[in-house]
ModelCIF file with pLDDT and N, C-alpha, C, O atoms, coordinates in Angstrom:
data_MODEL
#
_entry.id   MODEL 
#
_entity.id                         1 
_entity.type                       polymer 
_entity.pdbx_number_of_molecules   1 
#
_entity_poly.entity_id                      1 
_entity_poly.type                           'polypeptide(L)' 
_entity_poly.nstd_linkage                   no 
_entity_poly.nstd_monomer                   no 
_entity_poly.pdbx_seq_one_letter_code       ALTLTAARQYRPFGEIGGACLEAVAGRHGADVTPDDKRELAEGLGSL 
_entity_poly.pdbx_seq_one_letter_code_can   ALTLTAARQYRPFGEIGGACLEAVAGRHGADVTPDDKRELAEGLGSL 
_entity_poly.pdbx_strand_id                 A 
#
loop_
_entity_poly_seq.entity_id 
_entity_poly_seq.num 
_entity_poly_seq.mon_id 
_entity_poly_seq.hetero 
1 1  ALA n 
1 2  LEU n 
1 3  THR n 
1 4  LEU n 
1 5  THR n 
1 6  ALA n 
1 7  ALA n 
1 8  ARG n 
1 9  GLN n 
1 10 TYR n 
1 11 ARG n 
1 12 PRO n 
1 13 PHE n 
1 14 GLY n 
1 15 GLU n 
1 16 ILE n 
1 17 GLY n 
1 18 GLY n 
1 19 ALA n 
1 20 CYS n 
1 21 LEU n 
1 22 GLU n 
1 23 ALA n 
1 24 VAL n 
1 25 ALA n 
1 26 GLY n 
1 27 ARG n 
1 28 HIS n 
1 29 GLY n 
1 30 ALA n 
1 31 ASP n 
1 32 VAL n 
1 33 THR n 
1 34 PRO n 
1 35 ASP n 
1 36 ASP n 
1 37 LYS n 
1 38 ARG n 
1 39 GLU n 
1 40 LEU n 
1 41 ALA n 
1 42 GLU n 
1 43 GLY n 
1 44 LEU n 
1 45 GLY n 
1 46 SER n 
1 47 LEU n 
#
_struct_asym.id          A 
_struct_asym.entity_id   1 
#
loop_
_ma_qa_metric.id 
_ma_qa_metric.mode 
_ma_qa_metric.name 
_ma_qa_metric.software_group_id 
_ma_qa_metric.type 
1 global pLDDT . pLDDT 
2 local  pLDDT . pLDDT 
#
_ma_qa_metric_global.metric_id      1 
_ma_qa_metric_global.metric_value   96.38 
_ma_qa_metric_global.model_id       1 
_ma_qa_metric_global.ordinal_id     1 
#
loop_
_ma_qa_metric_local.label_asym_id 
_ma_qa_metric_local.label_comp_id 
_ma_qa_metric_local.label_seq_id 
_ma_qa_metric_local.metric_id 
_ma_qa_metric_local.metric_value 
_ma_qa_metric_local.model_id 
_ma_qa_metric_local.ordinal_id 
A ALA 1  2 96.00 1 1  
A LEU 2  2 96.00 1 2  
A THR 3  2 97.00 1 3  
A LEU 4  2 96.00 1 4  
A THR 5  2 96.00 1 5  
A ALA 6  2 96.00 1 6  
A ALA 7  2 96.00 1 7  
A ARG 8  2 95.00 1 8  
A GLN 9  2 96.00 1 9  
A TYR 10 2 97.00 1 10 
A ARG 11 2 96.00 1 11 
A PRO 12 2 95.00 1 12 
A PHE 13 2 94.00 1 13 
A GLY 14 2 93.00 1 14 
A GLU 15 2 95.00 1 15 
A ILE 16 2 97.00 1 16 
A GLY 17 2 96.00 1 17 
A GLY 18 2 96.00 1 18 
A ALA 19 2 97.00 1 19 
A CYS 20 2 98.00 1 20 
A LEU 21 2 98.00 1 21 
A GLU 22 2 97.00 1 22 
A ALA 23 2 98.00 1 23 
A VAL 24 2 98.00 1 24 
A ALA 25 2 98.00 1 25 
A GLY 26 2 97.00 1 26 
A ARG 27 2 97.00 1 27 
A HIS 28 2 98.00 1 28 
A GLY 29 2 97.00 1 29 
A ALA 30 2 97.00 1 30 
A ASP 31 2 96.00 1 31 
A VAL 32 2 97.00 1 32 
A THR 33 2 97.00 1 33 
A PRO 34 2 96.00 1 34 
A ASP 35 2 97.00 1 35 
A ASP 36 2 97.00 1 36 
A LYS 37 2 96.00 1 37 
A ARG 38 2 95.00 1 38 
A GLU 39 2 97.00 1 39 
A LEU 40 2 97.00 1 40 
A ALA 41 2 95.00 1 41 
A GLU 42 2 96.00 1 42 
A GLY 43 2 96.00 1 43 
A LEU 44 2 96.00 1 44 
A GLY 45 2 95.00 1 45 
A SER 46 2 96.00 1 46 
A LEU 47 2 98.00 1 47 
#
loop_
_atom_site.group_PDB 
_atom_site.id 
_atom_site.type_symbol 
_atom_site.label_atom_id 
_atom_site.label_alt_id 
_atom_site.label_comp_id 
_atom_site.label_asym_id 
_atom_site.label_entity_id 
_atom_site.label_seq_id 
_atom_site.pdbx_PDB_ins_code 
_atom_site.Cartn_x 
_atom_site.Cartn_y 
_atom_site.Cartn_z 
_atom_site.occupancy 
_atom_site.B_iso_or_equiv 
_atom_site.pdbx_formal_charge 
_atom_site.auth_seq_id 
_atom_site.auth_comp_id 
_atom_site.auth_asym_id 
_atom_site.auth_atom_id 
_atom_site.pdbx_PDB_model_num 
ATOM 1   N N  . ALA A 1 1  ? 11.439 -3.818  5.789  1.00 96.00 ? 1  ALA A N  1 
ATOM 2   C CA . ALA A 1 1  ? 10.573 -2.697  5.707  1.00 96.00 ? 1  ALA A CA 1 
ATOM 3   C C  . ALA A 1 1  ? 10.462 -2.094  4.353  1.00 96.00 ? 1  ALA A C  1 
ATOM 4   O O  . ALA A 1 1  ? 9.361  -1.800  3.886  1.00 96.00 ? 1  ALA A O  1 
ATOM 5   N N  . LEU A 1 2  ? 11.589 -1.899  3.703  1.00 96.00 ? 2  LEU A N  1 
ATOM 6   C CA . LEU A 1 2  ? 11.692 -1.312  2.360  1.00 96.00 ? 2  LEU A CA 1 
ATOM 7   C C  . LEU A 1 2  ? 10.885 -2.102  1.356  1.00 96.00 ? 2  LEU A C  1 
ATOM 8   O O  . LEU A 1 2  ? 10.166 -1.599  0.493  1.00 96.00 ? 2  LEU A O  1 
ATOM 9   N N  . THR A 1 3  ? 11.093 -3.482  1.574  1.00 97.00 ? 3  THR A N  1 
ATOM 10  C CA . THR A 1 3  ? 10.455 -4.424  0.502  1.00 97.00 ? 3  THR A CA 1 
ATOM 11  C C  . THR A 1 3  ? 9.012  -4.427  0.646  1.00 97.00 ? 3  THR A C  1 
ATOM 12  O O  . THR A 1 3  ? 8.274  -4.419  -0.340 1.00 97.00 ? 3  THR A O  1 
ATOM 13  N N  . LEU A 1 4  ? 8.544  -4.438  1.948  1.00 96.00 ? 4  LEU A N  1 
ATOM 14  C CA . LEU A 1 4  ? 7.039  -4.407  2.177  1.00 96.00 ? 4  LEU A CA 1 
ATOM 15  C C  . LEU A 1 4  ? 6.425  -3.210  1.718  1.00 96.00 ? 4  LEU A C  1 
ATOM 16  O O  . LEU A 1 4  ? 5.342  -3.193  1.134  1.00 96.00 ? 4  LEU A O  1 
ATOM 17  N N  . THR A 1 5  ? 7.219  -2.059  2.020  1.00 96.00 ? 5  THR A N  1 
ATOM 18  C CA . THR A 1 5  ? 6.642  -0.708  1.571  1.00 96.00 ? 5  THR A CA 1 
ATOM 19  C C  . THR A 1 5  ? 6.487  -0.643  0.112  1.00 96.00 ? 5  THR A C  1 
ATOM 20  O O  . THR A 1 5  ? 5.457  -0.212  -0.405 1.00 96.00 ? 5  THR A O  1 
ATOM 21  N N  . ALA A 1 6  ? 7.530  -1.080  -0.579 1.00 96.00 ? 6  ALA A N  1 
ATOM 22  C CA . ALA A 1 6  ? 7.549  -1.039  -2.141 1.00 96.00 ? 6  ALA A CA 1 
ATOM 23  C C  . ALA A 1 6  ? 6.306  -1.928  -2.669 1.00 96.00 ? 6  ALA A C  1 
ATOM 24  O O  . ALA A 1 6  ? 5.691  -1.630  -3.693 1.00 96.00 ? 6  ALA A O  1 
ATOM 25  N N  . ALA A 1 7  ? 6.022  -2.968  -1.926 1.00 96.00 ? 7  ALA A N  1 
ATOM 26  C CA . ALA A 1 7  ? 4.953  -3.868  -2.303 1.00 96.00 ? 7  ALA A CA 1 
ATOM 27  C C  . ALA A 1 7  ? 3.592  -3.455  -1.761 1.00 96.00 ? 7  ALA A C  1 
ATOM 28  O O  . ALA A 1 7  ? 2.597  -4.171  -1.871 1.00 96.00 ? 7  ALA A O  1 
ATOM 29  N N  . ARG A 1 8  ? 3.601  -2.257  -1.166 1.00 95.00 ? 8  ARG A N  1 
ATOM 30  C CA . ARG A 1 8  ? 2.438  -1.671  -0.536 1.00 95.00 ? 8  ARG A CA 1 
ATOM 31  C C  . ARG A 1 8  ? 1.729  -2.558  0.418  1.00 95.00 ? 8  ARG A C  1 
ATOM 32  O O  . ARG A 1 8  ? 0.508  -2.708  0.386  1.00 95.00 ? 8  ARG A O  1 
ATOM 33  N N  . GLN A 1 9  ? 2.588  -3.196  1.345  1.00 96.00 ? 9  GLN A N  1 
ATOM 34  C CA . GLN A 1 9  ? 2.052  -4.090  2.355  1.00 96.00 ? 9  GLN A CA 1 
ATOM 35  C C  . GLN A 1 9  ? 2.431  -3.459  3.603  1.00 96.00 ? 9  GLN A C  1 
ATOM 36  O O  . GLN A 1 9  ? 3.264  -2.553  3.590  1.00 96.00 ? 9  GLN A O  1 
ATOM 37  N N  . TYR A 1 10 ? 1.891  -3.858  4.688  1.00 97.00 ? 10 TYR A N  1 
ATOM 38  C CA . TYR A 1 10 ? 2.182  -3.193  6.035  1.00 97.00 ? 10 TYR A CA 1 
ATOM 39  C C  . TYR A 1 10 ? 2.275  -4.411  7.099  1.00 97.00 ? 10 TYR A C  1 
ATOM 40  O O  . TYR A 1 10 ? 1.476  -5.348  7.103  1.00 97.00 ? 10 TYR A O  1 
ATOM 41  N N  . ARG A 1 11 ? 3.320  -4.278  7.970  1.00 96.00 ? 11 ARG A N  1 
ATOM 42  C CA . ARG A 1 11 ? 3.472  -5.210  9.078  1.00 96.00 ? 11 ARG A CA 1 
ATOM 43  C C  . ARG A 1 11 ? 4.136  -4.383  10.155 1.00 96.00 ? 11 ARG A C  1 
ATOM 44  O O  . ARG A 1 11 ? 5.149  -3.725  9.920  1.00 96.00 ? 11 ARG A O  1 
ATOM 45  N N  . PRO A 1 12 ? 3.531  -4.427  11.384 1.00 95.00 ? 12 PRO A N  1 
ATOM 46  C CA . PRO A 1 12 ? 4.094  -3.549  12.487 1.00 95.00 ? 12 PRO A CA 1 
ATOM 47  C C  . PRO A 1 12 ? 5.645  -3.868  12.572 1.00 95.00 ? 12 PRO A C  1 
ATOM 48  O O  . PRO A 1 12 ? 6.140  -4.978  12.379 1.00 95.00 ? 12 PRO A O  1 
ATOM 49  N N  . PHE A 1 13 ? 6.284  -2.777  12.874 1.00 94.00 ? 13 PHE A N  1 
ATOM 50  C CA . PHE A 1 13 ? 7.775  -2.853  12.884 1.00 94.00 ? 13 PHE A CA 1 
ATOM 51  C C  . PHE A 1 13 ? 8.286  -3.782  13.970 1.00 94.00 ? 13 PHE A C  1 
ATOM 52  O O  . PHE A 1 13 ? 9.351  -4.370  13.783 1.00 94.00 ? 13 PHE A O  1 
ATOM 53  N N  . GLY A 1 14 ? 7.605  -3.954  15.085 1.00 93.00 ? 14 GLY A N  1 
ATOM 54  C CA . GLY A 1 14 ? 8.094  -4.840  15.995 1.00 93.00 ? 14 GLY A CA 1 
ATOM 55  C C  . GLY A 1 14 ? 7.880  -6.383  15.574 1.00 93.00 ? 14 GLY A C  1 
ATOM 56  O O  . GLY A 1 14 ? 8.617  -7.265  16.016 1.00 93.00 ? 14 GLY A O  1 
ATOM 57  N N  . GLU A 1 15 ? 6.963  -6.607  14.810 1.00 95.00 ? 15 GLU A N  1 
ATOM 58  C CA . GLU A 1 15 ? 6.838  -8.001  14.249 1.00 95.00 ? 15 GLU A CA 1 
ATOM 59  C C  . GLU A 1 15 ? 7.969  -8.279  13.300 1.00 95.00 ? 15 GLU A C  1 
ATOM 60  O O  . GLU A 1 15 ? 8.509  -9.385  13.275 1.00 95.00 ? 15 GLU A O  1 
ATOM 61  N N  . ILE A 1 16 ? 8.346  -7.253  12.492 1.00 97.00 ? 16 ILE A N  1 
ATOM 62  C CA . ILE A 1 16 ? 9.519  -7.291  11.577 1.00 97.00 ? 16 ILE A CA 1 
ATOM 63  C C  . ILE A 1 16 ? 10.777 -7.697  12.442 1.00 97.00 ? 16 ILE A C  1 
ATOM 64  O O  . ILE A 1 16 ? 11.532 -8.639  12.201 1.00 97.00 ? 16 ILE A O  1 
ATOM 65  N N  . GLY A 1 17 ? 10.855 -6.834  13.464 1.00 96.00 ? 17 GLY A N  1 
ATOM 66  C CA . GLY A 1 17 ? 12.039 -6.993  14.349 1.00 96.00 ? 17 GLY A CA 1 
ATOM 67  C C  . GLY A 1 17 ? 12.212 -8.406  14.887 1.00 96.00 ? 17 GLY A C  1 
ATOM 68  O O  . GLY A 1 17 ? 13.318 -8.946  14.895 1.00 96.00 ? 17 GLY A O  1 
ATOM 69  N N  . GLY A 1 18 ? 11.116 -8.999  15.336 1.00 96.00 ? 18 GLY A N  1 
ATOM 70  C CA . GLY A 1 18 ? 11.128 -10.298 15.922 1.00 96.00 ? 18 GLY A CA 1 
ATOM 71  C C  . GLY A 1 18 ? 11.471 -11.439 14.834 1.00 96.00 ? 18 GLY A C  1 
ATOM 72  O O  . GLY A 1 18 ? 12.142 -12.425 15.139 1.00 96.00 ? 18 GLY A O  1 
ATOM 73  N N  . ALA A 1 19 ? 10.979 -11.234 13.599 1.00 97.00 ? 19 ALA A N  1 
ATOM 74  C CA . ALA A 1 19 ? 11.272 -12.203 12.584 1.00 97.00 ? 19 ALA A CA 1 
ATOM 75  C C  . ALA A 1 19 ? 12.745 -12.004 12.225 1.00 97.00 ? 19 ALA A C  1 
ATOM 76  O O  . ALA A 1 19 ? 13.441 -13.005 12.056 1.00 97.00 ? 19 ALA A O  1 
ATOM 77  N N  . CYS A 1 20 ? 13.221 -10.889 12.108 1.00 98.00 ? 20 CYS A N  1 
ATOM 78  C CA . CYS A 1 20 ? 14.598 -10.561 11.814 1.00 98.00 ? 20 CYS A CA 1 
ATOM 79  C C  . CYS A 1 20 ? 15.646 -11.145 12.844 1.00 98.00 ? 20 CYS A C  1 
ATOM 80  O O  . CYS A 1 20 ? 16.747 -11.597 12.528 1.00 98.00 ? 20 CYS A O  1 
ATOM 81  N N  . LEU A 1 21 ? 15.160 -11.069 14.062 1.00 98.00 ? 21 LEU A N  1 
ATOM 82  C CA . LEU A 1 21 ? 15.931 -11.469 15.194 1.00 98.00 ? 21 LEU A CA 1 
ATOM 83  C C  . LEU A 1 21 ? 16.179 -13.034 15.040 1.00 98.00 ? 21 LEU A C  1 
ATOM 84  O O  . LEU A 1 21 ? 17.256 -13.564 15.312 1.00 98.00 ? 21 LEU A O  1 
ATOM 85  N N  . GLU A 1 22 ? 15.082 -13.698 14.583 1.00 97.00 ? 22 GLU A N  1 
ATOM 86  C CA . GLU A 1 22 ? 15.344 -15.164 14.442 1.00 97.00 ? 22 GLU A CA 1 
ATOM 87  C C  . GLU A 1 22 ? 16.198 -15.527 13.395 1.00 97.00 ? 22 GLU A C  1 
ATOM 88  O O  . GLU A 1 22 ? 16.979 -16.475 13.476 1.00 97.00 ? 22 GLU A O  1 
ATOM 89  N N  . ALA A 1 23 ? 16.057 -14.683 12.247 1.00 98.00 ? 23 ALA A N  1 
ATOM 90  C CA . ALA A 1 23 ? 16.853 -14.966 11.075 1.00 98.00 ? 23 ALA A CA 1 
ATOM 91  C C  . ALA A 1 23 ? 18.334 -14.728 11.293 1.00 98.00 ? 23 ALA A C  1 
ATOM 92  O O  . ALA A 1 23 ? 19.159 -15.504 10.809 1.00 98.00 ? 23 ALA A O  1 
ATOM 93  N N  . VAL A 1 24 ? 18.697 -13.649 12.027 1.00 98.00 ? 24 VAL A N  1 
ATOM 94  C CA . VAL A 1 24 ? 20.085 -13.252 12.360 1.00 98.00 ? 24 VAL A CA 1 
ATOM 95  C C  . VAL A 1 24 ? 20.636 -14.265 13.358 1.00 98.00 ? 24 VAL A C  1 
ATOM 96  O O  . VAL A 1 24 ? 21.756 -14.753 13.209 1.00 98.00 ? 24 VAL A O  1 
ATOM 97  N N  . ALA A 1 25 ? 19.853 -14.569 14.358 1.00 98.00 ? 25 ALA A N  1 
ATOM 98  C CA . ALA A 1 25 ? 20.346 -15.479 15.323 1.00 98.00 ? 25 ALA A CA 1 
ATOM 99  C C  . ALA A 1 25 ? 20.607 -16.911 14.729 1.00 98.00 ? 25 ALA A C  1 
ATOM 100 O O  . ALA A 1 25 ? 21.535 -17.615 15.126 1.00 98.00 ? 25 ALA A O  1 
ATOM 101 N N  . GLY A 1 26 ? 19.747 -17.281 13.775 1.00 97.00 ? 26 GLY A N  1 
ATOM 102 C CA . GLY A 1 26 ? 20.011 -18.590 13.056 1.00 97.00 ? 26 GLY A CA 1 
ATOM 103 C C  . GLY A 1 26 ? 21.351 -18.584 12.243 1.00 97.00 ? 26 GLY A C  1 
ATOM 104 O O  . GLY A 1 26 ? 22.091 -19.567 12.201 1.00 97.00 ? 26 GLY A O  1 
ATOM 105 N N  . ARG A 1 27 ? 21.599 -17.437 11.619 1.00 97.00 ? 27 ARG A N  1 
ATOM 106 C CA . ARG A 1 27 ? 22.984 -17.351 10.943 1.00 97.00 ? 27 ARG A CA 1 
ATOM 107 C C  . ARG A 1 27 ? 24.124 -17.641 11.761 1.00 97.00 ? 27 ARG A C  1 
ATOM 108 O O  . ARG A 1 27 ? 25.152 -18.171 11.338 1.00 97.00 ? 27 ARG A O  1 
ATOM 109 N N  . HIS A 1 28 ? 23.889 -17.230 13.114 1.00 98.00 ? 28 HIS A N  1 
ATOM 110 C CA . HIS A 1 28 ? 25.065 -17.551 14.090 1.00 98.00 ? 28 HIS A CA 1 
ATOM 111 C C  . HIS A 1 28 ? 24.881 -18.657 14.925 1.00 98.00 ? 28 HIS A C  1 
ATOM 112 O O  . HIS A 1 28 ? 25.550 -18.824 15.944 1.00 98.00 ? 28 HIS A O  1 
ATOM 113 N N  . GLY A 1 29 ? 24.008 -19.418 14.544 1.00 97.00 ? 29 GLY A N  1 
ATOM 114 C CA . GLY A 1 29 ? 23.773 -20.830 15.163 1.00 97.00 ? 29 GLY A CA 1 
ATOM 115 C C  . GLY A 1 29 ? 23.067 -20.708 16.560 1.00 97.00 ? 29 GLY A C  1 
ATOM 116 O O  . GLY A 1 29 ? 23.225 -21.595 17.399 1.00 97.00 ? 29 GLY A O  1 
ATOM 117 N N  . ALA A 1 30 ? 22.303 -19.627 16.802 1.00 97.00 ? 30 ALA A N  1 
ATOM 118 C CA . ALA A 1 30 ? 21.541 -19.434 17.989 1.00 97.00 ? 30 ALA A CA 1 
ATOM 119 C C  . ALA A 1 30 ? 20.119 -19.558 17.809 1.00 97.00 ? 30 ALA A C  1 
ATOM 120 O O  . ALA A 1 30 ? 19.603 -19.177 16.758 1.00 97.00 ? 30 ALA A O  1 
ATOM 121 N N  . ASP A 1 31 ? 19.376 -20.107 18.834 1.00 96.00 ? 31 ASP A N  1 
ATOM 122 C CA . ASP A 1 31 ? 17.971 -20.085 18.940 1.00 96.00 ? 31 ASP A CA 1 
ATOM 123 C C  . ASP A 1 31 ? 17.367 -18.957 19.740 1.00 96.00 ? 31 ASP A C  1 
ATOM 124 O O  . ASP A 1 31 ? 17.919 -18.526 20.753 1.00 96.00 ? 31 ASP A O  1 
ATOM 125 N N  . VAL A 1 32 ? 16.244 -18.491 19.282 1.00 97.00 ? 32 VAL A N  1 
ATOM 126 C CA . VAL A 1 32 ? 15.508 -17.313 19.825 1.00 97.00 ? 32 VAL A CA 1 
ATOM 127 C C  . VAL A 1 32 ? 14.450 -17.862 20.687 1.00 97.00 ? 32 VAL A C  1 
ATOM 128 O O  . VAL A 1 32 ? 13.671 -18.686 20.209 1.00 97.00 ? 32 VAL A O  1 
ATOM 129 N N  . THR A 1 33 ? 14.337 -17.455 22.008 1.00 97.00 ? 33 THR A N  1 
ATOM 130 C CA . THR A 1 33 ? 13.239 -17.857 22.865 1.00 97.00 ? 33 THR A CA 1 
ATOM 131 C C  . THR A 1 33 ? 12.328 -16.638 23.041 1.00 97.00 ? 33 THR A C  1 
ATOM 132 O O  . THR A 1 33 ? 12.740 -15.502 22.806 1.00 97.00 ? 33 THR A O  1 
ATOM 133 N N  . PRO A 1 34 ? 11.049 -16.903 23.470 1.00 96.00 ? 34 PRO A N  1 
ATOM 134 C CA . PRO A 1 34 ? 10.194 -15.714 23.784 1.00 96.00 ? 34 PRO A CA 1 
ATOM 135 C C  . PRO A 1 34 ? 10.928 -14.764 24.898 1.00 96.00 ? 34 PRO A C  1 
ATOM 136 O O  . PRO A 1 34 ? 10.588 -13.581 24.912 1.00 96.00 ? 34 PRO A O  1 
ATOM 137 N N  . ASP A 1 35 ? 11.767 -15.145 25.692 1.00 97.00 ? 35 ASP A N  1 
ATOM 138 C CA . ASP A 1 35 ? 12.361 -14.267 26.655 1.00 97.00 ? 35 ASP A CA 1 
ATOM 139 C C  . ASP A 1 35 ? 13.377 -13.357 25.886 1.00 97.00 ? 35 ASP A C  1 
ATOM 140 O O  . ASP A 1 35 ? 13.564 -12.188 26.223 1.00 97.00 ? 35 ASP A O  1 
ATOM 141 N N  . ASP A 1 36 ? 14.009 -13.936 24.860 1.00 97.00 ? 36 ASP A N  1 
ATOM 142 C CA . ASP A 1 36 ? 14.941 -13.172 24.045 1.00 97.00 ? 36 ASP A CA 1 
ATOM 143 C C  . ASP A 1 36 ? 14.166 -12.022 23.379 1.00 97.00 ? 36 ASP A C  1 
ATOM 144 O O  . ASP A 1 36 ? 14.590 -10.867 23.399 1.00 97.00 ? 36 ASP A O  1 
ATOM 145 N N  . LYS A 1 37 ? 12.985 -12.393 22.772 1.00 96.00 ? 37 LYS A N  1 
ATOM 146 C CA . LYS A 1 37 ? 12.196 -11.253 22.147 1.00 96.00 ? 37 LYS A CA 1 
ATOM 147 C C  . LYS A 1 37 ? 11.809 -10.264 23.113 1.00 96.00 ? 37 LYS A C  1 
ATOM 148 O O  . LYS A 1 37 ? 11.851 -9.072  22.808 1.00 96.00 ? 37 LYS A O  1 
ATOM 149 N N  . ARG A 1 38 ? 11.419 -10.663 24.307 1.00 95.00 ? 38 ARG A N  1 
ATOM 150 C CA . ARG A 1 38 ? 10.952 -9.674  25.339 1.00 95.00 ? 38 ARG A CA 1 
ATOM 151 C C  . ARG A 1 38 ? 12.026 -8.808  25.674 1.00 95.00 ? 38 ARG A C  1 
ATOM 152 O O  . ARG A 1 38 ? 11.867 -7.588  25.720 1.00 95.00 ? 38 ARG A O  1 
ATOM 153 N N  . GLU A 1 39 ? 13.240 -9.430  25.941 1.00 97.00 ? 39 GLU A N  1 
ATOM 154 C CA . GLU A 1 39 ? 14.442 -8.610  26.326 1.00 97.00 ? 39 GLU A CA 1 
ATOM 155 C C  . GLU A 1 39 ? 14.815 -7.576  25.235 1.00 97.00 ? 39 GLU A C  1 
ATOM 156 O O  . GLU A 1 39 ? 15.177 -6.452  25.580 1.00 97.00 ? 39 GLU A O  1 
ATOM 157 N N  . LEU A 1 40 ? 14.738 -7.920  23.938 1.00 97.00 ? 40 LEU A N  1 
ATOM 158 C CA . LEU A 1 40 ? 14.980 -6.970  22.848 1.00 97.00 ? 40 LEU A CA 1 
ATOM 159 C C  . LEU A 1 40 ? 14.011 -5.946  22.911 1.00 97.00 ? 40 LEU A C  1 
ATOM 160 O O  . LEU A 1 40 ? 14.375 -4.773  22.825 1.00 97.00 ? 40 LEU A O  1 
ATOM 161 N N  . ALA A 1 41 ? 12.575 -6.305  23.079 1.00 95.00 ? 41 ALA A N  1 
ATOM 162 C CA . ALA A 1 41 ? 11.659 -5.144  23.068 1.00 95.00 ? 41 ALA A CA 1 
ATOM 163 C C  . ALA A 1 41 ? 11.869 -4.215  24.188 1.00 95.00 ? 41 ALA A C  1 
ATOM 164 O O  . ALA A 1 41 ? 11.723 -3.002  24.040 1.00 95.00 ? 41 ALA A O  1 
ATOM 165 N N  . GLU A 1 42 ? 12.233 -4.794  25.390 1.00 96.00 ? 42 GLU A N  1 
ATOM 166 C CA . GLU A 1 42 ? 12.535 -3.912  26.558 1.00 96.00 ? 42 GLU A CA 1 
ATOM 167 C C  . GLU A 1 42 ? 13.622 -3.119  26.294 1.00 96.00 ? 42 GLU A C  1 
ATOM 168 O O  . GLU A 1 42 ? 13.595 -1.942  26.652 1.00 96.00 ? 42 GLU A O  1 
ATOM 169 N N  . GLY A 1 43 ? 14.648 -3.608  25.682 1.00 96.00 ? 43 GLY A N  1 
ATOM 170 C CA . GLY A 1 43 ? 15.911 -2.743  25.174 1.00 96.00 ? 43 GLY A CA 1 
ATOM 171 C C  . GLY A 1 43 ? 15.562 -1.746  24.381 1.00 96.00 ? 43 GLY A C  1 
ATOM 172 O O  . GLY A 1 43 ? 15.954 -0.609  24.644 1.00 96.00 ? 43 GLY A O  1 
ATOM 173 N N  . LEU A 1 44 ? 14.782 -1.994  23.300 1.00 96.00 ? 44 LEU A N  1 
ATOM 174 C CA . LEU A 1 44 ? 14.321 -0.923  22.344 1.00 96.00 ? 44 LEU A CA 1 
ATOM 175 C C  . LEU A 1 44 ? 13.540 0.235   22.974 1.00 96.00 ? 44 LEU A C  1 
ATOM 176 O O  . LEU A 1 44 ? 13.660 1.396   22.581 1.00 96.00 ? 44 LEU A O  1 
ATOM 177 N N  . GLY A 1 45 ? 12.732 -0.145  23.975 1.00 95.00 ? 45 GLY A N  1 
ATOM 178 C CA . GLY A 1 45 ? 11.930 0.768   24.619 1.00 95.00 ? 45 GLY A CA 1 
ATOM 179 C C  . GLY A 1 45 ? 12.607 1.623   25.639 1.00 95.00 ? 45 GLY A C  1 
ATOM 180 O O  . GLY A 1 45 ? 11.997 2.544   26.181 1.00 95.00 ? 45 GLY A O  1 
ATOM 181 N N  . SER A 1 46 ? 13.905 1.333   25.927 1.00 96.00 ? 46 SER A N  1 
ATOM 182 C CA . SER A 1 46 ? 14.623 2.073   26.910 1.00 96.00 ? 46 SER A CA 1 
ATOM 183 C C  . SER A 1 46 ? 16.047 2.548   26.320 1.00 96.00 ? 46 SER A C  1 
ATOM 184 O O  . SER A 1 46 ? 16.996 2.683   27.093 1.00 96.00 ? 46 SER A O  1 
ATOM 185 N N  . LEU A 1 47 ? 16.172 2.782   25.039 1.00 98.00 ? 47 LEU A N  1 
ATOM 186 C CA . LEU A 1 47 ? 17.391 3.193   24.409 1.00 98.00 ? 47 LEU A CA 1 
ATOM 187 C C  . LEU A 1 47 ? 17.768 4.598   24.852 1.00 98.00 ? 47 LEU A C  1 
ATOM 188 O O  . LEU A 1 47 ? 18.790 5.130   24.418 1.00 98.00 ? 47 LEU A O  1 
#
């Protein structure tokens, strides 16, 4: 988010979250499914 803002670019925060989920899961040897992204979105909406 900081990098995109400094570059005067915009991407919805949820899209950034999904992309970062894939990156972090990959670091831990896990694959992300559409269900995983939905579960994360639901979790964020009910914190």
